[in-house]
Amino acid sequence: MGFVTELASPQQLTGWKHVYSGKVRDLYVPADGSDDYLLVVASNRVSAFDHVLEPPIPGKGALLTALSNWWFERIDLPNHLAGPGAPAIPDEVADRAVVTRRLEMHPIECVVRGALTGSGFAEYRRTGAVCGIELPAGIEDGDLLDTPIYTPAYKAPLGEHDENITYEKSVELVGEEAAAALRDASLRIFTAARDLAAERGVVLADTKFEFGRDPRAEGAAELVLADEVLTSDSSRYWDAAAYSDERKPRRDRLASFDKQIVRDWLAANWDRTGEPPALPDEIVSRTYDRYAELYTRLTGAPARS
């Protein structure tokens, strides 16, 4: 996750000390100085083109937290959510925060692509490959791949951009055993999630996972799934009916359940110089509705506004 400088006036939460903020999340540690836990707060901020925009999207943080927790319950792998005995989540952020174990994180962002689009498609057009994986000729933007591919990235130091790498480079970074475990777990989770999403009329095109290890736990070499998982901000989802309708323009077939509405509006109304303009109320509302639609489609539960 990309980080920004400390907020001028971070939210004060009883029992917790603010340590730093990402573009869309805030992190806290226990105020008593213990280092076993983190409080991860999903804000309502929205970012695009490396800028945090105004106004925020009310309800966005709660939706992403709820969706991530929903997926954690369905993934057969240890995750970072803290168990009994952990500090309580403050009431002020109860619907958009989680208490997690402090982990030693692997420096690999585990990206899985079930379709080729975005930066992966751009790399394919230039080289015929993605992260060193050679692919057949003739793939078009948005085409589903016969077999999902694992295309890792190196998590750069704070303030720098992540770097796409080959699997062989990931072996150099974390060792052969850990690299294989990261790859295999990522592909297994993606495949199960893709199948579940398909049952609900949604195409999971690609996603990213992050993993760590808990040095305090027995079997500390075991992978622990961390960060957000399979949310609109970490994954690309398409409506299956629209995707399959070849009468529609490709842009409509590949409309994702995320902040694409924000990016499109900003691209049309800002030349990327100076500060970005404020988002119109209609764009804020439509963006929330898009996040909420995915949540309801996947979970079957109404989104709480």
Protein backbone atom coordinates (compact mmCIF):
# COMPACT_ATOMS: atom_id res chain seq x y z
CA MET A 1 0.00 0.00 0.00
CA GLY A 2 1.31 3.46 -0.83
CA PHE A 3 1.93 5.72 2.13
CA VAL A 4 1.62 9.46 2.61
CA THR A 5 3.00 11.68 5.30
CA GLU A 6 1.33 11.65 8.69
CA LEU A 7 -2.09 13.18 8.71
CA ALA A 8 -2.18 16.71 10.03
CA SER A 9 -4.90 15.75 12.49
CA PRO A 10 -5.17 11.96 12.68
CA GLN A 11 -8.26 10.65 14.40
CA GLN A 12 -7.57 10.08 18.08
CA LEU A 13 -8.72 6.66 19.28
CA THR A 14 -8.71 5.67 22.93
CA GLY A 15 -6.17 2.94 23.63
CA TRP A 16 -4.40 3.35 20.31
CA LYS A 17 -1.58 5.51 18.94
CA HIS A 18 -1.60 6.62 15.31
CA VAL A 19 1.65 5.68 13.56
CA TYR A 20 1.13 6.35 9.86
CA SER A 21 -1.42 6.59 7.11
CA GLY A 22 -1.75 5.22 3.64
CA LYS A 23 -3.71 6.90 0.91
CA VAL A 24 -6.85 5.14 2.08
CA ARG A 25 -6.01 3.44 5.39
CA ASP A 26 -4.74 4.48 8.82
CA LEU A 27 -2.65 2.31 11.12
CA TYR A 28 -2.46 2.41 14.91
CA VAL A 29 -0.51 0.50 17.56
CA PRO A 30 -1.56 -0.10 21.17
CA ALA A 31 -1.01 2.99 23.28
CA ASP A 32 0.49 0.85 26.06
CA GLY A 33 3.56 0.22 23.91
CA SER A 34 2.98 -3.46 23.20
CA ASP A 35 3.81 -4.59 19.69
CA ASP A 36 1.60 -7.65 19.23
CA TYR A 37 -1.27 -5.93 17.41
CA LEU A 38 -2.20 -3.36 14.78
CA LEU A 39 -5.47 -1.50 14.33
CA VAL A 40 -6.11 -1.13 10.60
CA VAL A 41 -8.74 1.48 9.81
CA ALA A 42 -10.19 1.66 6.30
CA SER A 43 -10.96 5.32 5.66
CA ASN A 44 -13.51 6.70 3.24
CA ARG A 45 -10.77 8.48 1.31
CA VAL A 46 -10.46 7.77 -2.40
CA SER A 47 -7.28 8.14 -4.45
CA ALA A 48 -6.50 8.28 -8.14
CA PHE A 49 -3.40 9.18 -10.11
CA ASP A 50 -1.36 9.29 -6.87
CA HIS A 51 -3.60 11.92 -5.27
CA VAL A 52 -6.05 11.65 -2.40
CA LEU A 53 -9.26 13.28 -3.61
CA GLU A 54 -11.99 15.31 -2.02
CA PRO A 55 -14.62 14.64 -0.91
CA PRO A 56 -14.33 11.07 0.45
CA ILE A 57 -16.84 8.34 -0.41
CA PRO A 58 -19.08 7.92 2.67
CA GLY A 59 -19.48 4.27 3.61
CA LYS A 60 -16.62 3.02 1.41
CA GLY A 61 -14.39 1.97 4.31
CA ALA A 62 -17.13 -0.06 5.95
CA LEU A 63 -18.00 -1.83 2.71
CA LEU A 64 -14.40 -2.81 1.98
CA THR A 65 -13.85 -4.03 5.54
CA ALA A 66 -17.02 -6.11 5.49
CA LEU A 67 -16.20 -7.65 2.12
CA SER A 68 -12.65 -8.49 3.13
CA ASN A 69 -13.88 -10.13 6.34
CA TRP A 70 -16.48 -12.09 4.35
CA TRP A 71 -13.75 -13.51 2.15
CA PHE A 72 -11.47 -14.28 5.12
CA GLU A 73 -14.22 -16.54 6.49
CA ARG A 74 -14.22 -18.52 3.24
CA ILE A 75 -10.49 -18.90 2.65
CA ASP A 76 -8.91 -22.03 4.10
CA LEU A 77 -5.68 -20.37 5.21
CA PRO A 78 -4.60 -18.61 8.42
CA ASN A 79 -5.18 -14.87 8.27
CA HIS A 80 -3.99 -11.84 10.19
CA LEU A 81 -7.21 -11.16 12.12
CA ALA A 82 -6.52 -11.21 15.86
CA GLY A 83 -8.35 -13.71 18.03
CA PRO A 84 -9.60 -13.65 21.63
CA GLY A 85 -7.60 -11.48 23.99
CA ALA A 86 -6.89 -8.78 21.43
CA PRO A 87 -7.64 -5.14 22.24
CA ALA A 88 -11.13 -3.96 21.38
CA ILE A 89 -11.89 -1.96 18.26
CA PRO A 90 -12.91 1.59 19.23
CA ASP A 91 -16.60 2.30 18.73
CA GLU A 92 -15.85 5.28 16.45
CA VAL A 93 -14.43 2.98 13.77
CA ALA A 94 -16.10 -0.33 14.65
CA ASP A 95 -17.62 -0.83 11.19
CA ARG A 96 -14.44 -0.11 9.21
CA ALA A 97 -11.54 -1.41 11.26
CA VAL A 98 -9.93 -4.69 12.24
CA VAL A 99 -7.40 -5.63 14.88
CA THR A 100 -4.66 -7.76 13.39
CA ARG A 101 -1.62 -9.64 14.56
CA ARG A 102 1.73 -7.97 13.91
CA LEU A 103 3.42 -10.02 11.19
CA GLU A 104 6.73 -10.17 9.46
CA MET A 105 5.59 -9.43 5.91
CA HIS A 106 7.02 -11.00 2.80
CA PRO A 107 8.26 -8.28 0.40
CA ILE A 108 6.21 -9.78 -2.44
CA GLU A 109 2.85 -8.60 -3.73
CA CYS A 110 1.24 -11.77 -5.03
CA VAL A 111 -0.70 -10.84 -8.17
CA VAL A 112 -2.85 -13.41 -9.96
CA ARG A 113 -4.38 -12.68 -13.35
CA GLY A 114 -7.28 -14.68 -14.72
CA ALA A 115 -7.72 -12.20 -17.55
CA LEU A 116 -5.33 -9.91 -19.35
CA THR A 117 -6.06 -6.21 -19.00
CA GLY A 118 -4.58 -3.06 -17.48
CA SER A 119 -0.82 -2.99 -16.95
CA GLY A 120 -0.55 -6.71 -17.68
CA PHE A 121 -2.08 -6.28 -21.12
CA ALA A 122 0.15 -3.27 -21.79
CA GLU A 123 3.25 -5.36 -20.96
CA TYR A 124 1.96 -8.21 -23.12
CA ARG A 125 1.52 -5.87 -26.09
CA ARG A 126 5.11 -4.66 -25.70
CA THR A 127 6.80 -7.98 -25.05
CA GLY A 128 4.44 -10.89 -25.63
CA ALA A 129 4.86 -11.83 -21.97
CA VAL A 130 3.86 -10.74 -18.46
CA CYS A 131 6.47 -10.90 -15.71
CA GLY A 132 8.51 -13.28 -17.83
CA ILE A 133 5.58 -15.60 -18.64
CA GLU A 134 5.29 -16.03 -22.41
CA LEU A 135 1.69 -15.96 -23.63
CA PRO A 136 0.08 -16.94 -26.96
CA ALA A 137 -0.24 -14.33 -29.69
CA GLY A 138 -3.55 -12.64 -30.41
CA ILE A 139 -4.83 -12.01 -26.89
CA GLU A 140 -7.11 -8.96 -26.76
CA ASP A 141 -7.71 -6.58 -23.86
CA GLY A 142 -9.96 -8.32 -21.32
CA ASP A 143 -9.60 -11.84 -22.69
CA LEU A 144 -9.80 -14.61 -20.10
CA LEU A 145 -6.72 -16.80 -19.83
CA ASP A 146 -7.03 -20.57 -20.10
CA THR A 147 -5.06 -20.86 -16.86
CA PRO A 148 -4.57 -18.04 -14.31
CA ILE A 149 -0.99 -16.75 -14.12
CA TYR A 150 1.03 -15.67 -11.12
CA THR A 151 2.80 -12.35 -11.74
CA PRO A 152 4.49 -11.15 -8.53
CA ALA A 153 5.68 -7.65 -7.72
CA TYR A 154 8.36 -6.42 -5.35
CA LYS A 155 6.89 -4.23 -2.61
CA ALA A 156 9.05 -1.14 -2.84
CA PRO A 157 10.06 0.96 0.18
CA LEU A 158 7.56 3.56 1.37
CA GLY A 159 7.05 6.35 -1.13
CA GLU A 160 8.25 4.29 -4.12
CA HIS A 161 6.27 2.33 -6.70
CA ASP A 162 6.09 -1.46 -6.63
CA GLU A 163 8.05 -3.25 -9.35
CA ASN A 164 6.74 -6.17 -11.40
CA ILE A 165 9.20 -9.06 -11.22
CA THR A 166 9.63 -12.58 -12.54
CA TYR A 167 9.01 -15.63 -10.40
CA GLU A 168 12.75 -16.30 -10.52
CA LYS A 169 13.38 -12.88 -8.98
CA SER A 170 10.93 -13.67 -6.19
CA VAL A 171 12.97 -16.79 -5.43
CA GLU A 172 16.06 -14.57 -5.08
CA LEU A 173 14.16 -12.30 -2.67
CA VAL A 174 12.53 -14.82 -0.34
CA GLY A 175 14.03 -18.20 -1.14
CA GLU A 176 12.76 -21.11 -3.19
CA GLU A 177 10.49 -22.65 -0.54
CA ALA A 178 8.75 -19.40 0.41
CA ALA A 179 8.40 -18.26 -3.23
CA ALA A 180 6.73 -21.54 -4.18
CA ALA A 181 4.43 -21.37 -1.16
CA LEU A 182 3.39 -17.79 -2.02
CA ARG A 183 2.71 -18.72 -5.64
CA ASP A 184 0.78 -21.89 -4.87
CA ALA A 185 -1.37 -20.31 -2.14
CA SER A 186 -2.18 -17.32 -4.35
CA LEU A 187 -3.27 -19.45 -7.28
CA ARG A 188 -5.32 -21.74 -5.04
CA ILE A 189 -7.16 -18.85 -3.35
CA PHE A 190 -7.76 -17.08 -6.67
CA THR A 191 -9.18 -20.18 -8.32
CA ALA A 192 -11.63 -20.84 -5.48
CA ALA A 193 -12.66 -17.17 -5.32
CA ARG A 194 -13.09 -16.96 -9.10
CA ASP A 195 -15.41 -19.97 -9.05
CA LEU A 196 -17.46 -18.61 -6.16
CA ALA A 197 -17.76 -15.20 -7.86
CA ALA A 198 -18.87 -16.87 -11.08
CA GLU A 199 -21.75 -18.53 -9.23
CA ARG A 200 -22.91 -15.01 -8.34
CA GLY A 201 -22.66 -13.61 -11.86
CA VAL A 202 -19.33 -11.87 -11.38
CA VAL A 203 -16.01 -12.33 -13.21
CA LEU A 204 -12.92 -12.09 -11.01
CA ALA A 205 -10.36 -10.82 -13.51
CA ASP A 206 -7.33 -10.31 -11.28
CA THR A 207 -6.32 -9.64 -7.69
CA LYS A 208 -3.35 -9.25 -5.37
CA PHE A 209 -2.58 -10.92 -2.06
CA GLU A 210 -0.06 -10.18 0.66
CA PHE A 211 1.30 -12.71 3.13
CA GLY A 212 3.38 -12.66 6.28
CA ARG A 213 4.47 -14.90 9.11
CA ASP A 214 3.74 -14.62 12.82
CA PRO A 215 7.06 -15.07 14.62
CA ARG A 216 5.23 -15.69 17.92
CA ALA A 217 3.13 -18.58 16.66
CA GLU A 218 3.95 -22.26 16.51
CA GLY A 219 5.00 -23.25 13.03
CA ALA A 220 6.05 -19.69 12.31
CA ALA A 221 7.03 -20.57 8.75
CA GLU A 222 3.33 -21.00 7.95
CA LEU A 223 1.88 -18.43 5.56
CA VAL A 224 -0.57 -15.92 7.04
CA LEU A 225 -2.86 -14.07 4.66
CA ALA A 226 -2.75 -10.36 5.47
CA ASP A 227 -3.92 -6.94 4.32
CA GLU A 228 -7.29 -6.63 2.59
CA VAL A 229 -8.37 -9.56 0.45
CA LEU A 230 -10.49 -9.74 -2.71
CA THR A 231 -12.02 -6.29 -2.24
CA SER A 232 -12.93 -3.82 -4.96
CA ASP A 233 -9.70 -1.93 -4.24
CA SER A 234 -7.41 -4.96 -4.45
CA SER A 235 -9.20 -6.83 -7.24
CA ARG A 236 -10.79 -6.29 -10.61
CA TYR A 237 -14.34 -7.62 -10.96
CA TRP A 238 -16.62 -7.46 -13.99
CA ASP A 239 -20.33 -8.12 -14.40
CA ALA A 240 -20.54 -11.53 -16.08
CA ALA A 241 -23.64 -10.74 -18.15
CA ALA A 242 -22.16 -7.51 -19.50
CA TYR A 243 -18.81 -9.19 -20.12
CA SER A 244 -20.46 -11.90 -22.22
CA ASP A 245 -22.54 -9.47 -24.30
CA GLU A 246 -20.42 -8.95 -27.40
CA ARG A 247 -22.87 -6.34 -28.70
CA LYS A 248 -21.65 -3.96 -26.00
CA PRO A 249 -18.58 -1.74 -26.50
CA ARG A 250 -15.49 -3.25 -24.87
CA ARG A 251 -15.39 -0.35 -22.40
CA ASP A 252 -18.84 -1.30 -21.08
CA ARG A 253 -18.07 -5.02 -21.03
CA LEU A 254 -14.99 -4.35 -18.85
CA ALA A 255 -16.58 -1.83 -16.46
CA SER A 256 -15.18 -2.77 -13.05
CA PHE A 257 -16.83 -2.64 -9.63
CA ASP A 258 -14.45 -0.06 -8.19
CA LYS A 259 -13.42 3.58 -8.49
CA GLN A 260 -13.18 3.51 -12.29
CA ILE A 261 -15.97 6.09 -12.34
CA VAL A 262 -13.68 8.43 -10.39
CA ARG A 263 -10.69 7.79 -12.65
CA ASP A 264 -12.75 8.37 -15.79
CA TRP A 265 -14.22 11.63 -14.50
CA LEU A 266 -10.83 12.87 -13.34
CA ALA A 267 -9.17 12.01 -16.65
CA ALA A 268 -11.81 14.03 -18.48
CA ASN A 269 -11.74 17.02 -16.13
CA TRP A 270 -8.13 17.40 -14.99
CA ASP A 271 -4.83 17.72 -16.85
CA ARG A 272 -2.86 16.27 -13.91
CA THR A 273 -1.20 19.55 -13.07
CA GLY A 274 -1.70 21.20 -9.68
CA GLU A 275 -4.30 19.88 -7.28
CA PRO A 276 -7.15 17.74 -8.65
CA PRO A 277 -10.66 19.21 -8.63
CA ALA A 278 -13.28 18.20 -6.08
CA LEU A 279 -15.46 15.28 -7.11
CA PRO A 280 -19.08 16.14 -7.95
CA ASP A 281 -21.76 14.66 -5.68
CA GLU A 282 -23.04 12.50 -8.54
CA ILE A 283 -19.61 10.86 -8.99
CA VAL A 284 -19.34 10.22 -5.25
CA SER A 285 -22.81 8.63 -5.17
CA ARG A 286 -22.28 6.50 -8.27
CA THR A 287 -18.95 5.25 -6.97
CA TYR A 288 -20.46 4.16 -3.66
CA ASP A 289 -23.29 2.43 -5.52
CA ARG A 290 -20.76 0.48 -7.58
CA TYR A 291 -18.91 -0.72 -4.46
CA ALA A 292 -22.22 -1.58 -2.80
CA GLU A 293 -23.49 -3.53 -5.81
CA LEU A 294 -20.47 -5.82 -5.76
CA TYR A 295 -20.80 -6.38 -2.02
CA THR A 296 -24.44 -7.41 -2.38
CA ARG A 297 -23.81 -9.53 -5.47
CA LEU A 298 -21.09 -11.53 -3.73
CA THR A 299 -22.43 -11.81 -0.20
CA GLY A 300 -26.18 -11.72 -0.82
CA ALA A 301 -26.50 -9.17 1.99
CA PRO A 302 -27.65 -5.56 1.60
CA ALA A 303 -24.97 -2.90 1.86
CA ARG A 304 -25.40 -0.66 4.86
CA SER A 305 -25.09 3.01 3.93
